[in-house]
Every structure is written in C-alpha cells, then in structure tokens.
Amino acid sequence: MHFFDYKYSFPLEAGGTLPGFRLAYTTFGTLQNDGSNVIWVCHALTGNADPTDWWNGMVGPGKYYDPAKWFVVCANVIGSCYGSTGPLSINPETNEPFYHDFPIITIRDMVGALDLLRQELGIEQIHACIGGSVGGQQAVEWAIMQPGLIENLVLIATNAVHSPWGIAFNESQRMAIEADATWPERRADAGAVGMKAARAMALISYRNYDTYGFTQALDNNEQIDNYKASGYQRYQGDKIVQRFNAFTYWTLSKVMDSHNVGRNRGSIPRALETIRARTLVVGIRSDVLFPPVEQQFLARHIPNAVYEEIDSLYGHDGFLIEFRPLTQIIRKWLETI
C-alpha cells in the first residue's frame, strides 16, 4: 500500500473544502517507458485500493488484467475508511476526527483527487479505465472531465445520473443509521447497529428475488422460524461492522446520490457526447439497483459506444462475481477495435 498526501486546500464542488487529503493506493506491474500500459480500476461503494482482494477474478497473475503485462492502479477514494481521508480522519483544524463534520463530497470531488494522484504518478495516458457501480460513476465522470486522458473506458452496471430509485434505497439506509440512538455521539462506533440494518437493506437491492430463492431457500416445508434468509441478512450486517463505520457509509451513500454528469453542463446527453474514449458499457439483466436501461442510455449517448449484457443470477453484485463472461466481453470488444 502506498500513500499520496496532498497538502493544499482542496475545494469541493458543494462549496466546502478539505484542508488537504490522503489517498491510499496500490500499483501492480511495471509502467512501460512510453506509459501505454496503464489500467486504472475504480472501486465501488465499500471497496478498497486492492482490486486483487475484491476483484481477484479480473486482476492478478494469470487474470485478464495481469500485472506481467499491465501497470494496474487503484486508489481508495476520499471519504472512505481504508487509508484515505474520511470522516474518522483527524481534522487538522481541530485535532479531532471529523465525525459528522466531514464535508459534503461528490463523485467529481473523488475524481478530482484521483486525477491529482495520476499527475503525482506521472501518468499522462490511461489505456483503460474500468469500474462497476460507483466505480463506474467515477470512470464516466473522469472521461468527461479529462476527455483526452482515457483511451478505453469500461463501464459496468453503472449510470449517468443516480436514479430516484437508488436515492430512495440510500435514504432508507441512512434512516436506519439515524434510528440508532448512538448516532449523534462523536465516537468511532456510533451508528454501528443502525449500519447493520442499513447493510441488510442494501443487500436486497444488490441481489434480487431469484438470488434469494436459490441461495436462501427454505430448509423444509415445516419450518416456521430461523430462516436462511434471516440469518443471511444478520450475517451481512455483522460483517460490515467488522470492516466499516457508519460515518463512512453515510458519506459514501451521499456521494452516490450526487452523481449526475449533466450538472452544470447543459444536459446529461450533452455531457456524455463529449467523451472521446472508446467505450464499452456492460449491463446485468437481473440488476434491480442499476437496471440495464441505465447502461443502454449510456451506450446510446456516448459516441460509438458498444453495449453488452450479462445474464446473472446475482443481480447488481454480478459485476463482482461474473468475471468469466465479463472477461470474454472485454476481450472480444478490444479485438474488434
């Protein structure tokens, strides 16, 4: 793990500022002399800077993005809790953690920080920028903010603007955190019980009816309690508490809500039409959180974009699981261009 410390005031889109920030990041492989082999991976909501951890079907030795060939970069975004500046970081102006005072950040702020890291690393061209879900939101925003930077853009299970449906899911999760009596307290574990319920809500949107029917089926027809589905929801709630905090969860869900490539650019189609990168957009047929209609919209308005679709049992989470069909789609697309 490496760290990039930006020591200057960083203005934010919503009007606030960060008094500098830190990004935790990883690199795999060797940068070629001409800088032509950069793969930049943008992680999703609760991801970290190590794609070999959460996307090991795509990144790693012998995988499609093999460090023997590519220079793979992934950075933990601002607002997160895996080494980058976030709500539990120390605010240098108070010498205490930010907690509830962490400023409002947006996808554009995240991308602005990533671009400063890119400059620090001396990267002038990104061969491929790839991301799913919130990672895809970062990737498409970056392709608009820096039209000449990215050569190939791969957007998976993502959108051009976060939908009212998605915002409603996120607000419901924040309401669960608010319902935790500890949430107003300035301590690292505040809101943890509420976050358990929030994560259980989120899982319903990440999967779908058929996923639960297959993986959490009844044990027998006589069962009246202790269902697999109930245990699974509680397990996922307990699991998130072990690796996350409610302040970060709150902050990043708000960031997702902020995503709108058309803001201050005239319109969403007009913004997408400025993308110069060769673009592959991949939808997941069973995705109820980012339904395929959103990826089809991207492909329709990004110049010369190609749309492909994966049939997966796992809904939105399919972008983290279906690496074999995803690899085949990306390989075939690159061969055609």
Foldseek 3Di string as FASTA:
>chain_A
DDKDWFQPWAAAPVGDIARTKMKDKDKAADQDPVRQAEEEEEEDQQDARDCCVQQVQAEDPPHVNYSPRHIYMGIGFAQFDHTIHHQQDQRVVVRGGNQVVDDAHALVSRLVVVVVVCVVVVRQAHAEYEYEASSLLNQLLNLLVCQRHYAEYEYELYFQAQDPLLLVLLVVLVVLLVPQPQRVPPDFARSLVSNLQSQLSVQPQQADDLLCCPPFNAPDPVDDDPGSNVVVSNVRSVVCSVPGHPRSSNNSSSNRNRRHQCVVPPHSLSSLQSHPHAYEYEYECQRPRRHVVRSVVSQVRRPNYHYDYHHDNGHSCCVSPVSPVVSVVVVVVVVVD
